[in-house]
């Protein structure tokens, strides 16, 4: 069994849980993404989360990517998985299938 930590970087994420639990995925919280690329604090936190995930062999997903500047920063920082309104609005089942077919 494997777990993901959602909203990582928000609230009080426990670093001890990263080694104690079978966690394979960190979902970087939108609150970290919002200030990218201009907020130096958010940029430092995003880079640290990406480095931590890479060092521990975890996938890191950026949640809440809304601008191309955010996506560019994350890609340059080594983030390979992102989700958010930049890519698509929330979709119902039928719209999702049409969306998936355009990418296949």
PDB file of N, CA and C in Angstrom:
ATOM      1  N   UNK A   1       0.837  -1.164   0.000  1.00  0.00           N
ATOM      2  CA  UNK A   1       0.000   0.000   0.000  1.00  0.00           C
ATOM      3  C   UNK A   1       0.895   1.245   0.000  1.00  0.00           C
ATOM      4  N   UNK A   2       0.526   2.230  -0.820  1.00  0.00           N
ATOM      5  CA  UNK A   2       1.267   3.477  -0.893  1.00  0.00           C
ATOM      6  C   UNK A   2       0.316   4.644  -0.681  1.00  0.00           C
ATOM      7  N   UNK A   3       0.870   5.774  -0.225  1.00  0.00           N
ATOM      8  CA  UNK A   3       0.072   6.952   0.068  1.00  0.00           C
ATOM      9  C   UNK A   3       0.615   8.169  -0.659  1.00  0.00           C
ATOM     10  N   UNK A   4      -0.241   9.179  -0.762  1.00  0.00           N
ATOM     11  CA  UNK A   4       0.156  10.493  -1.254  1.00  0.00           C
ATOM     12  C   UNK A   4      -0.192  11.496  -0.170  1.00  0.00           C
ATOM     13  N   UNK A   5       0.623  12.533  -0.054  1.00  0.00           N
ATOM     14  CA  UNK A   5       0.298  13.621   0.873  1.00  0.00           C
ATOM     15  C   UNK A   5      -0.233  14.775   0.039  1.00  0.00           C
ATOM     16  N   UNK A   6      -1.489  15.099   0.243  1.00  0.00           N
ATOM     17  CA  UNK A   6      -2.150  16.188  -0.461  1.00  0.00           C
ATOM     18  C   UNK A   6      -1.869  17.496   0.273  1.00  0.00           C
ATOM     19  N   UNK A   7      -1.853  18.590  -0.453  1.00  0.00           N
ATOM     20  CA  UNK A   7      -1.656  19.939   0.117  1.00  0.00           C
ATOM     21  C   UNK A   7      -0.330  20.061   0.855  1.00  0.00           C
ATOM     22  N   UNK A   8       0.696  19.381   0.359  1.00  0.00           N
ATOM     23  CA  UNK A   8       2.003  19.456   1.004  1.00  0.00           C
ATOM     24  C   UNK A   8       2.542  20.875   0.878  1.00  0.00           C
ATOM     25  N   UNK A   9       3.027  21.416   1.972  1.00  0.00           N
ATOM     26  CA  UNK A   9       3.522  22.786   2.002  1.00  0.00           C
ATOM     27  C   UNK A   9       2.531  23.729   2.652  1.00  0.00           C
ATOM     28  N   UNK A  10       1.336  23.250   2.917  1.00  0.00           N
ATOM     29  CA  UNK A  10       0.327  24.043   3.609  1.00  0.00           C
ATOM     30  C   UNK A  10       0.086  23.411   4.977  1.00  0.00           C
ATOM     31  N   UNK A  11      -0.455  24.161   5.854  1.00  0.00           N
ATOM     32  CA  UNK A  11      -0.784  23.674   7.189  1.00  0.00           C
ATOM     33  C   UNK A  11       0.462  23.127   7.868  1.00  0.00           C
ATOM     34  N   UNK A  12       0.360  21.979   8.482  1.00  0.00           N
ATOM     35  CA  UNK A  12       1.511  21.433   9.207  1.00  0.00           C
ATOM     36  C   UNK A  12       1.839  20.042   8.687  1.00  0.00           C
ATOM     37  N   UNK A  13       2.477  19.987   7.551  1.00  0.00           N
ATOM     38  CA  UNK A  13       2.913  18.708   6.987  1.00  0.00           C
ATOM     39  C   UNK A  13       4.065  18.178   7.830  1.00  0.00           C
ATOM     40  N   UNK A  14       3.976  16.932   8.238  1.00  0.00           N
ATOM     41  CA  UNK A  14       5.005  16.343   9.083  1.00  0.00           C
ATOM     42  C   UNK A  14       6.082  15.681   8.240  1.00  0.00           C
ATOM     43  N   UNK A  15       7.308  16.173   8.363  1.00  0.00           N
ATOM     44  CA  UNK A  15       8.412  15.558   7.638  1.00  0.00           C
ATOM     45  C   UNK A  15       8.693  14.152   8.144  1.00  0.00           C
ATOM     46  N   UNK A  16       8.407  13.886   9.406  1.00  0.00           N
ATOM     47  CA  UNK A  16       8.621  12.544   9.959  1.00  0.00           C
ATOM     48  C   UNK A  16       7.747  11.516   9.239  1.00  0.00           C
ATOM     49  N   UNK A  17       6.553  11.927   8.798  1.00  0.00           N
ATOM     50  CA  UNK A  17       5.674  11.006   8.081  1.00  0.00           C
ATOM     51  C   UNK A  17       6.285  10.546   6.764  1.00  0.00           C
ATOM     52  N   UNK A  18       7.156  11.356   6.175  1.00  0.00           N
ATOM     53  CA  UNK A  18       7.756  10.993   4.895  1.00  0.00           C
ATOM     54  C   UNK A  18       8.620   9.741   4.993  1.00  0.00           C
ATOM     55  N   UNK A  19       9.225   9.525   6.152  1.00  0.00           N
ATOM     56  CA  UNK A  19      10.035   8.312   6.290  1.00  0.00           C
ATOM     57  C   UNK A  19       9.296   7.198   7.019  1.00  0.00           C
ATOM     58  N   UNK A  20       8.276   7.546   7.788  1.00  0.00           N
ATOM     59  CA  UNK A  20       7.558   6.559   8.585  1.00  0.00           C
ATOM     60  C   UNK A  20       6.476   5.839   7.784  1.00  0.00           C
ATOM     61  N   UNK A  21       5.845   6.532   6.848  1.00  0.00           N
ATOM     62  CA  UNK A  21       4.738   5.968   6.072  1.00  0.00           C
ATOM     63  C   UNK A  21       5.193   5.644   4.645  1.00  0.00           C
ATOM     64  N   UNK A  22       4.517   4.729   3.970  1.00  0.00           N
ATOM     65  CA  UNK A  22       4.883   4.384   2.591  1.00  0.00           C
ATOM     66  C   UNK A  22       4.364   5.434   1.597  1.00  0.00           C
ATOM     67  N   UNK A  23       4.904   6.621   1.674  1.00  0.00           N
ATOM     68  CA  UNK A  23       4.452   7.732   0.835  1.00  0.00           C
ATOM     69  C   UNK A  23       5.285   7.756  -0.440  1.00  0.00           C
ATOM     70  N   UNK A  24       4.609   7.840  -1.569  1.00  0.00           N
ATOM     71  CA  UNK A  24       5.294   7.850  -2.861  1.00  0.00           C
ATOM     72  C   UNK A  24       5.026   9.122  -3.654  1.00  0.00           C
ATOM     73  N   UNK A  25       4.158   9.985  -3.121  1.00  0.00           N
ATOM     74  CA  UNK A  25       3.752  11.153  -3.899  1.00  0.00           C
ATOM     75  C   UNK A  25       3.469  12.334  -2.979  1.00  0.00           C
ATOM     76  N   UNK A  26       3.987  13.500  -3.367  1.00  0.00           N
ATOM     77  CA  UNK A  26       3.678  14.744  -2.673  1.00  0.00           C
ATOM     78  C   UNK A  26       2.911  15.634  -3.636  1.00  0.00           C
ATOM     79  N   UNK A  27       1.811  16.175  -3.185  1.00  0.00           N
ATOM     80  CA  UNK A  27       1.056  17.126  -3.991  1.00  0.00           C
ATOM     81  C   UNK A  27       1.295  18.513  -3.406  1.00  0.00           C
ATOM     82  N   UNK A  28       2.103  19.298  -4.117  1.00  0.00           N
ATOM     83  CA  UNK A  28       2.466  20.630  -3.652  1.00  0.00           C
ATOM     84  C   UNK A  28       1.225  21.520  -3.647  1.00  0.00           C
ATOM     85  N   UNK A  29       0.959  22.152  -2.517  1.00  0.00           N
ATOM     86  CA  UNK A  29      -0.257  22.933  -2.336  1.00  0.00           C
ATOM     87  C   UNK A  29      -0.292  24.171  -3.225  1.00  0.00           C
ATOM     88  N   UNK A  30      -1.486  24.529  -3.662  1.00  0.00           N
ATOM     89  CA  UNK A  30      -1.718  25.704  -4.493  1.00  0.00           C
ATOM     90  C   UNK A  30      -1.219  26.982  -3.822  1.00  0.00           C
ATOM     91  N   UNK A  31      -1.243  27.027  -2.506  1.00  0.00           N
ATOM     92  CA  UNK A  31      -0.787  28.235  -1.805  1.00  0.00           C
ATOM     93  C   UNK A  31       0.692  28.506  -2.062  1.00  0.00           C
ATOM     94  N   UNK A  32       1.465  27.467  -2.354  1.00  0.00           N
ATOM     95  CA  UNK A  32       2.875  27.629  -2.717  1.00  0.00           C
ATOM     96  C   UNK A  32       2.980  28.093  -4.169  1.00  0.00           C
ATOM     97  N   UNK A  33       2.129  27.552  -5.023  1.00  0.00           N
ATOM     98  CA  UNK A  33       2.162  27.847  -6.456  1.00  0.00           C
ATOM     99  C   UNK A  33       1.720  29.280  -6.742  1.00  0.00           C
ATOM    100  N   UNK A  34       0.769  29.794  -5.974  1.00  0.00           N
ATOM    101  CA  UNK A  34       0.169  31.105  -6.248  1.00  0.00           C
ATOM    102  C   UNK A  34       1.192  32.226  -6.421  1.00  0.00           C
ATOM    103  N   UNK A  35       2.250  32.241  -5.627  1.00  0.00           N
ATOM    104  CA  UNK A  35       3.215  33.334  -5.688  1.00  0.00           C
ATOM    105  C   UNK A  35       4.301  33.173  -6.733  1.00  0.00           C
ATOM    106  N   UNK A  36       4.315  32.041  -7.415  1.00  0.00           N
ATOM    107  CA  UNK A  36       5.365  31.791  -8.414  1.00  0.00           C
ATOM    108  C   UNK A  36       5.121  32.588  -9.683  1.00  0.00           C
ATOM    109  N   UNK A  37       6.155  33.032 -10.337  1.00  0.00           N
ATOM    110  CA  UNK A  37       7.560  32.887  -9.997  1.00  0.00           C
ATOM    111  C   UNK A  37       8.127  34.071  -9.211  1.00  0.00           C
ATOM    112  N   UNK A  38       7.304  35.070  -8.923  1.00  0.00           N
ATOM    113  CA  UNK A  38       7.814  36.334  -8.388  1.00  0.00           C
ATOM    114  C   UNK A  38       8.122  36.337  -6.895  1.00  0.00           C
ATOM    115  N   UNK A  39       7.392  35.584  -6.101  1.00  0.00           N
ATOM    116  CA  UNK A  39       7.606  35.578  -4.655  1.00  0.00           C
ATOM    117  C   UNK A  39       8.794  34.679  -4.323  1.00  0.00           C
ATOM    118  N   UNK A  40       9.857  35.271  -3.812  1.00  0.00           N
ATOM    119  CA  UNK A  40      11.083  34.500  -3.553  1.00  0.00           C
ATOM    120  C   UNK A  40      10.871  33.430  -2.486  1.00  0.00           C
ATOM    121  N   UNK A  41       9.995  33.698  -1.525  1.00  0.00           N
ATOM    122  CA  UNK A  41       9.704  32.699  -0.498  1.00  0.00           C
ATOM    123  C   UNK A  41       8.992  31.492  -1.080  1.00  0.00           C
ATOM    124  N   UNK A  42       7.969  31.729  -1.906  1.00  0.00           N
ATOM    125  CA  UNK A  42       7.260  30.619  -2.553  1.00  0.00           C
ATOM    126  C   UNK A  42       8.192  29.851  -3.489  1.00  0.00           C
ATOM    127  N   UNK A  43       9.060  30.570  -4.190  1.00  0.00           N
ATOM    128  CA  UNK A  43      10.013  29.918  -5.093  1.00  0.00           C
ATOM    129  C   UNK A  43      10.953  29.007  -4.309  1.00  0.00           C
ATOM    130  N   UNK A  44      11.445  29.490  -3.174  1.00  0.00           N
ATOM    131  CA  UNK A  44      12.353  28.682  -2.350  1.00  0.00           C
ATOM    132  C   UNK A  44      11.633  27.449  -1.801  1.00  0.00           C
ATOM    133  N   UNK A  45      10.394  27.621  -1.359  1.00  0.00           N
ATOM    134  CA  UNK A  45       9.624  26.490  -0.820  1.00  0.00           C
ATOM    135  C   UNK A  45       9.352  25.466  -1.928  1.00  0.00           C
ATOM    136  N   UNK A  46       8.969  25.935  -3.110  1.00  0.00           N
ATOM    137  CA  UNK A  46       8.696  25.021  -4.225  1.00  0.00           C
ATOM    138  C   UNK A  46       9.948  24.228  -4.575  1.00  0.00           C
ATOM    139  N   UNK A  47      11.081  24.904  -4.675  1.00  0.00           N
ATOM    140  CA  UNK A  47      12.336  24.202  -4.994  1.00  0.00           C
ATOM    141  C   UNK A  47      12.692  23.190  -3.901  1.00  0.00           C
ATOM    142  N   UNK A  48      12.459  23.558  -2.649  1.00  0.00           N
ATOM    143  CA  UNK A  48      12.772  22.658  -1.533  1.00  0.00           C
ATOM    144  C   UNK A  48      11.878  21.419  -1.564  1.00  0.00           C
ATOM    145  N   UNK A  49      10.593  21.601  -1.839  1.00  0.00           N
ATOM    146  CA  UNK A  49       9.676  20.459  -1.919  1.00  0.00           C
ATOM    147  C   UNK A  49      10.083  19.550  -3.071  1.00  0.00           C
ATOM    148  N   UNK A  50      10.430  20.138  -4.212  1.00  0.00           N
ATOM    149  CA  UNK A  50      10.871  19.333  -5.353  1.00  0.00           C
ATOM    150  C   UNK A  50      12.153  18.568  -5.033  1.00  0.00           C
ATOM    151  N   UNK A  51      13.102  19.225  -4.384  1.00  0.00           N
ATOM    152  CA  UNK A  51      14.359  18.557  -4.021  1.00  0.00           C
ATOM    153  C   UNK A  51      14.113  17.448  -3.005  1.00  0.00           C
ATOM    154  N   UNK A  52      13.263  17.705  -2.025  1.00  0.00           N
ATOM    155  CA  UNK A  52      12.939  16.699  -1.015  1.00  0.00           C
ATOM    156  C   UNK A  52      12.296  15.481  -1.666  1.00  0.00           C
ATOM    157  N   UNK A  53      11.315  15.729  -2.525  1.00  0.00           N
ATOM    158  CA  UNK A  53      10.649  14.626  -3.209  1.00  0.00           C
ATOM    159  C   UNK A  53      11.617  13.819  -4.053  1.00  0.00           C
ATOM    160  N   UNK A  54      12.473  14.502  -4.798  1.00  0.00           N
ATOM    161  CA  UNK A  54      13.445  13.803  -5.644  1.00  0.00           C
ATOM    162  C   UNK A  54      14.402  12.976  -4.793  1.00  0.00           C
ATOM    163  N   UNK A  55      14.909  13.550  -3.720  1.00  0.00           N
ATOM    164  CA  UNK A  55      15.858  12.852  -2.854  1.00  0.00           C
ATOM    165  C   UNK A  55      15.237  11.597  -2.251  1.00  0.00           C
ATOM    166  N   UNK A  56      13.950  11.661  -1.926  1.00  0.00           N
ATOM    167  CA  UNK A  56      13.263  10.523  -1.323  1.00  0.00           C
ATOM    168  C   UNK A  56      12.628   9.592  -2.359  1.00  0.00           C
ATOM    169  N   UNK A  57      12.826   9.874  -3.640  1.00  0.00           N
ATOM    170  CA  UNK A  57      12.288   9.017  -4.695  1.00  0.00           C
ATOM    171  C   UNK A  57      10.787   9.121  -4.856  1.00  0.00           C
ATOM    172  N   UNK A  58      10.224  10.291  -4.592  1.00  0.00           N
ATOM    173  CA  UNK A  58       8.780  10.503  -4.682  1.00  0.00           C
ATOM    174  C   UNK A  58       8.424  11.331  -5.910  1.00  0.00           C
ATOM    175  N   UNK A  59       7.219  11.120  -6.397  1.00  0.00           N
ATOM    176  CA  UNK A  59       6.684  12.006  -7.431  1.00  0.00           C
ATOM    177  C   UNK A  59       6.184  13.255  -6.733  1.00  0.00           C
ATOM    178  N   UNK A  60       6.380  14.406  -7.371  1.00  0.00           N
ATOM    179  CA  UNK A  60       5.849  15.659  -6.842  1.00  0.00           C
ATOM    180  C   UNK A  60       4.918  16.242  -7.894  1.00  0.00           C
ATOM    181  N   UNK A  61       3.693  16.535  -7.471  1.00  0.00           N
ATOM    182  CA  UNK A  61       2.686  17.103  -8.355  1.00  0.00           C
ATOM    183  C   UNK A  61       2.392  18.526  -7.888  1.00  0.00           C
ATOM    184  N   UNK A  62       2.466  19.477  -8.810  1.00  0.00           N
ATOM    185  CA  UNK A  62       2.126  20.868  -8.499  1.00  0.00           C
ATOM    186  C   UNK A  62       0.631  21.053  -8.727  1.00  0.00           C
ATOM    187  N   UNK A  63      -0.088  21.444  -7.692  1.00  0.00           N
ATOM    188  CA  UNK A  63      -1.527  21.647  -7.785  1.00  0.00           C
ATOM    189  C   UNK A  63      -1.844  23.130  -7.941  1.00  0.00           C
ATOM    190  N   UNK A  64      -2.826  23.435  -8.777  1.00  0.00           N
ATOM    191  CA  UNK A  64      -3.308  24.803  -8.876  1.00  0.00           C
ATOM    192  C   UNK A  64      -2.503  25.695  -9.799  1.00  0.00           C
ATOM    193  N   UNK A  65      -1.889  25.107 -10.825  1.00  0.00           N
ATOM    194  CA  UNK A  65      -1.127  25.905 -11.790  1.00  0.00           C
ATOM    195  C   UNK A  65      -2.123  26.652 -12.679  1.00  0.00           C
ATOM    196  N   UNK A  66      -2.024  27.981 -12.656  1.00  0.00           N
ATOM    197  CA  UNK A  66      -2.988  28.796 -13.391  1.00  0.00           C
ATOM    198  C   UNK A  66      -2.366  29.655 -14.481  1.00  0.00           C
ATOM    199  N   UNK A  67      -1.053  29.866 -14.450  1.00  0.00           N
ATOM    200  CA  UNK A  67      -0.431  30.734 -15.447  1.00  0.00           C
ATOM    201  C   UNK A  67       0.746  30.028 -16.116  1.00  0.00           C
ATOM    202  N   UNK A  68       1.066  30.487 -17.310  1.00  0.00           N
ATOM    203  CA  UNK A  68       2.203  29.920 -18.025  1.00  0.00           C
ATOM    204  C   UNK A  68       3.502  30.225 -17.286  1.00  0.00           C
ATOM    205  N   UNK A  69       3.592  31.385 -16.633  1.00  0.00           N
ATOM    206  CA  UNK A  69       4.796  31.724 -15.862  1.00  0.00           C
ATOM    207  C   UNK A  69       5.018  30.734 -14.724  1.00  0.00           C
ATOM    208  N   UNK A  70       3.936  30.343 -14.054  1.00  0.00           N
ATOM    209  CA  UNK A  70       4.050  29.335 -12.995  1.00  0.00           C
ATOM    210  C   UNK A  70       4.535  28.009 -13.580  1.00  0.00           C
ATOM    211  N   UNK A  71       3.925  27.593 -14.688  1.00  0.00           N
ATOM    212  CA  UNK A  71       4.295  26.327 -15.323  1.00  0.00           C
ATOM    213  C   UNK A  71       5.754  26.349 -15.765  1.00  0.00           C
ATOM    214  N   UNK A  72       6.194  27.466 -16.340  1.00  0.00           N
ATOM    215  CA  UNK A  72       7.584  27.578 -16.793  1.00  0.00           C
ATOM    216  C   UNK A  72       8.554  27.476 -15.617  1.00  0.00           C
ATOM    217  N   UNK A  73       8.242  28.186 -14.520  1.00  0.00           N
ATOM    218  CA  UNK A  73       9.103  28.122 -13.327  1.00  0.00           C
ATOM    219  C   UNK A  73       9.202  26.685 -12.830  1.00  0.00           C
ATOM    220  N   UNK A  74       8.063  26.021 -12.691  1.00  0.00           N
ATOM    221  CA  UNK A  74       8.039  24.659 -12.158  1.00  0.00           C
ATOM    222  C   UNK A  74       8.808  23.695 -13.063  1.00  0.00           C
ATOM    223  N   UNK A  75       8.633  23.822 -14.363  1.00  0.00           N
ATOM    224  CA  UNK A  75       9.350  22.949 -15.295  1.00  0.00           C
ATOM    225  C   UNK A  75      10.860  23.159 -15.158  1.00  0.00           C
ATOM    226  N   UNK A  76      11.274  24.431 -15.105  1.00  0.00           N
ATOM    227  CA  UNK A  76      12.706  24.729 -14.964  1.00  0.00           C
ATOM    228  C   UNK A  76      13.252  24.245 -13.618  1.00  0.00           C
ATOM    229  N   UNK A  77      12.395  24.193 -12.603  1.00  0.00           N
ATOM    230  CA  UNK A  77      12.812  23.727 -11.274  1.00  0.00           C
ATOM    231  C   UNK A  77      12.803  22.204 -11.167  1.00  0.00           C
ATOM    232  N   UNK A  78      12.336  21.522 -12.213  1.00  0.00           N
ATOM    233  CA  UNK A  78      12.364  20.068 -12.212  1.00  0.00           C
ATOM    234  C   UNK A  78      11.032  19.388 -11.969  1.00  0.00           C
ATOM    235  N   UNK A  79       9.948  20.142 -11.935  1.00  0.00           N
ATOM    236  CA  UNK A  79       8.622  19.544 -11.731  1.00  0.00           C
ATOM    237  C   UNK A  79       8.102  19.033 -13.069  1.00  0.00           C
ATOM    238  N   UNK A  80       7.744  17.758 -13.117  1.00  0.00           N
ATOM    239  CA  UNK A  80       7.295  17.157 -14.369  1.00  0.00           C
ATOM    240  C   UNK A  80       5.802  16.855 -14.405  1.00  0.00           C
ATOM    241  N   UNK A  81       5.114  17.057 -13.277  1.00  0.00           N
ATOM    242  CA  UNK A  81       3.682  16.775 -13.222  1.00  0.00           C
ATOM    243  C   UNK A  81       2.976  17.974 -12.596  1.00  0.00           C
ATOM    244  N   UNK A  82       1.962  18.492 -13.294  1.00  0.00           N
ATOM    245  CA  UNK A  82       1.213  19.634 -12.777  1.00  0.00           C
ATOM    246  C   UNK A  82      -0.253  19.504 -13.161  1.00  0.00           C
ATOM    247  N   UNK A  83      -1.078  20.154 -12.382  1.00  0.00           N
ATOM    248  CA  UNK A  83      -2.503  20.196 -12.689  1.00  0.00           C
ATOM    249  C   UNK A  83      -3.013  21.585 -12.349  1.00  0.00           C
ATOM    250  N   UNK A  84      -4.086  21.989 -12.996  1.00  0.00           N
ATOM    251  CA  UNK A  84      -4.663  23.285 -12.692  1.00  0.00           C
ATOM    252  C   UNK A  84      -5.416  23.865 -13.876  1.00  0.00           C
ATOM    253  N   UNK A  85      -5.980  25.040 -13.657  1.00  0.00           N
ATOM    254  CA  UNK A  85      -6.815  25.686 -14.664  1.00  0.00           C
ATOM    255  C   UNK A  85      -6.039  26.059 -15.928  1.00  0.00           C
ATOM    256  N   UNK A  86      -4.718  26.168 -15.856  1.00  0.00           N
ATOM    257  CA  UNK A  86      -3.944  26.428 -17.062  1.00  0.00           C
ATOM    258  C   UNK A  86      -4.179  25.326 -18.093  1.00  0.00           C
ATOM    259  N   UNK A  87      -4.372  24.116 -17.621  1.00  0.00           N
ATOM    260  CA  UNK A  87      -4.513  22.966 -18.505  1.00  0.00           C
ATOM    261  C   UNK A  87      -5.961  22.680 -18.851  1.00  0.00           C
ATOM    262  N   UNK A  88      -6.848  22.759 -17.873  1.00  0.00           N
ATOM    263  CA  UNK A  88      -8.276  22.569 -18.125  1.00  0.00           C
ATOM    264  C   UNK A  88      -9.070  22.929 -16.871  1.00  0.00           C
ATOM    265  N   UNK A  89     -10.310  23.330 -17.088  1.00  0.00           N
ATOM    266  CA  UNK A  89     -11.249  23.536 -15.993  1.00  0.00           C
ATOM    267  C   UNK A  89     -11.732  22.161 -15.523  1.00  0.00           C
ATOM    268  N   UNK A  90     -12.349  22.071 -14.345  1.00  0.00           N
ATOM    269  CA  UNK A  90     -12.920  20.777 -13.932  1.00  0.00           C
ATOM    270  C   UNK A  90     -13.897  20.275 -14.997  1.00  0.00           C
ATOM    271  N   UNK A  91     -13.846  18.978 -15.272  1.00  0.00           N
ATOM    272  CA  UNK A  91     -14.658  18.393 -16.333  1.00  0.00           C
ATOM    273  C   UNK A  91     -15.553  17.292 -15.809  1.00  0.00           C
ATOM    274  N   UNK A  92     -16.730  17.197 -16.399  1.00  0.00           N
ATOM    275  CA  UNK A  92     -17.621  16.078 -16.124  1.00  0.00           C
ATOM    276  C   UNK A  92     -17.151  14.862 -16.906  1.00  0.00           C
ATOM    277  N   UNK A  93     -17.788  13.708 -16.710  1.00  0.00           N
ATOM    278  CA  UNK A  93     -17.328  12.469 -17.350  1.00  0.00           C
ATOM    279  C   UNK A  93     -17.252  12.548 -18.879  1.00  0.00           C
ATOM    280  N   UNK A  94     -18.267  13.109 -19.520  1.00  0.00           N
ATOM    281  CA  UNK A  94     -18.265  13.168 -20.979  1.00  0.00           C
ATOM    282  C   UNK A  94     -17.194  14.124 -21.497  1.00  0.00           C
ATOM    283  N   UNK A  95     -17.077  15.289 -20.849  1.00  0.00           N
ATOM    284  CA  UNK A  95     -16.053  16.247 -21.266  1.00  0.00           C
ATOM    285  C   UNK A  95     -14.661  15.676 -21.033  1.00  0.00           C
ATOM    286  N   UNK A  96     -14.501  14.929 -19.939  1.00  0.00           N
ATOM    287  CA  UNK A  96     -13.207  14.319 -19.644  1.00  0.00           C
ATOM    288  C   UNK A  96     -12.800  13.355 -20.750  1.00  0.00           C
ATOM    289  N   UNK A  97     -13.734  12.530 -21.201  1.00  0.00           N
ATOM    290  CA  UNK A  97     -13.411  11.568 -22.255  1.00  0.00           C
ATOM    291  C   UNK A  97     -13.031  12.288 -23.548  1.00  0.00           C
ATOM    292  N   UNK A  98     -13.729  13.382 -23.887  1.00  0.00           N
ATOM    293  CA  UNK A  98     -13.360  14.151 -25.083  1.00  0.00           C
ATOM    294  C   UNK A  98     -11.966  14.752 -24.912  1.00  0.00           C
ATOM    295  N   UNK A  99     -11.678  15.267 -23.725  1.00  0.00           N
ATOM    296  CA  UNK A  99     -10.376  15.864 -23.446  1.00  0.00           C
ATOM    297  C   UNK A  99      -9.262  14.818 -23.575  1.00  0.00           C
ATOM    298  N   UNK A 100      -9.481  13.634 -23.002  1.00  0.00           N
ATOM    299  CA  UNK A 100      -8.480  12.571 -23.041  1.00  0.00           C
ATOM    300  C   UNK A 100      -8.225  12.141 -24.497  1.00  0.00           C
ATOM    301  N   UNK A 101      -9.274  12.078 -25.295  1.00  0.00           N
ATOM    302  CA  UNK A 101      -9.106  11.658 -26.700  1.00  0.00           C
ATOM    303  C   UNK A 101      -8.270  12.653 -27.483  1.00  0.00           C
ATOM    304  N   UNK A 102      -8.320  13.930 -27.125  1.00  0.00           N
ATOM    305  CA  UNK A 102      -7.507  14.922 -27.845  1.00  0.00           C
ATOM    306  C   UNK A 102      -6.033  14.767 -27.514  1.00  0.00           C
ATOM    307  N   UNK A 103      -5.701  14.138 -26.381  1.00  0.00           N
ATOM    308  CA  UNK A 103      -4.305  13.955 -25.969  1.00  0.00           C
ATOM    309  C   UNK A 103      -3.765  12.601 -26.367  1.00  0.00           C
ATOM    310  N   UNK A 104      -4.654  11.694 -26.782  1.00  0.00           N
ATOM    311  CA  UNK A 104      -4.215  10.320 -27.122  1.00  0.00           C
ATOM    312  C   UNK A 104      -3.631  10.239 -28.510  1.00  0.00           C
TER     313      UNK A 104
END
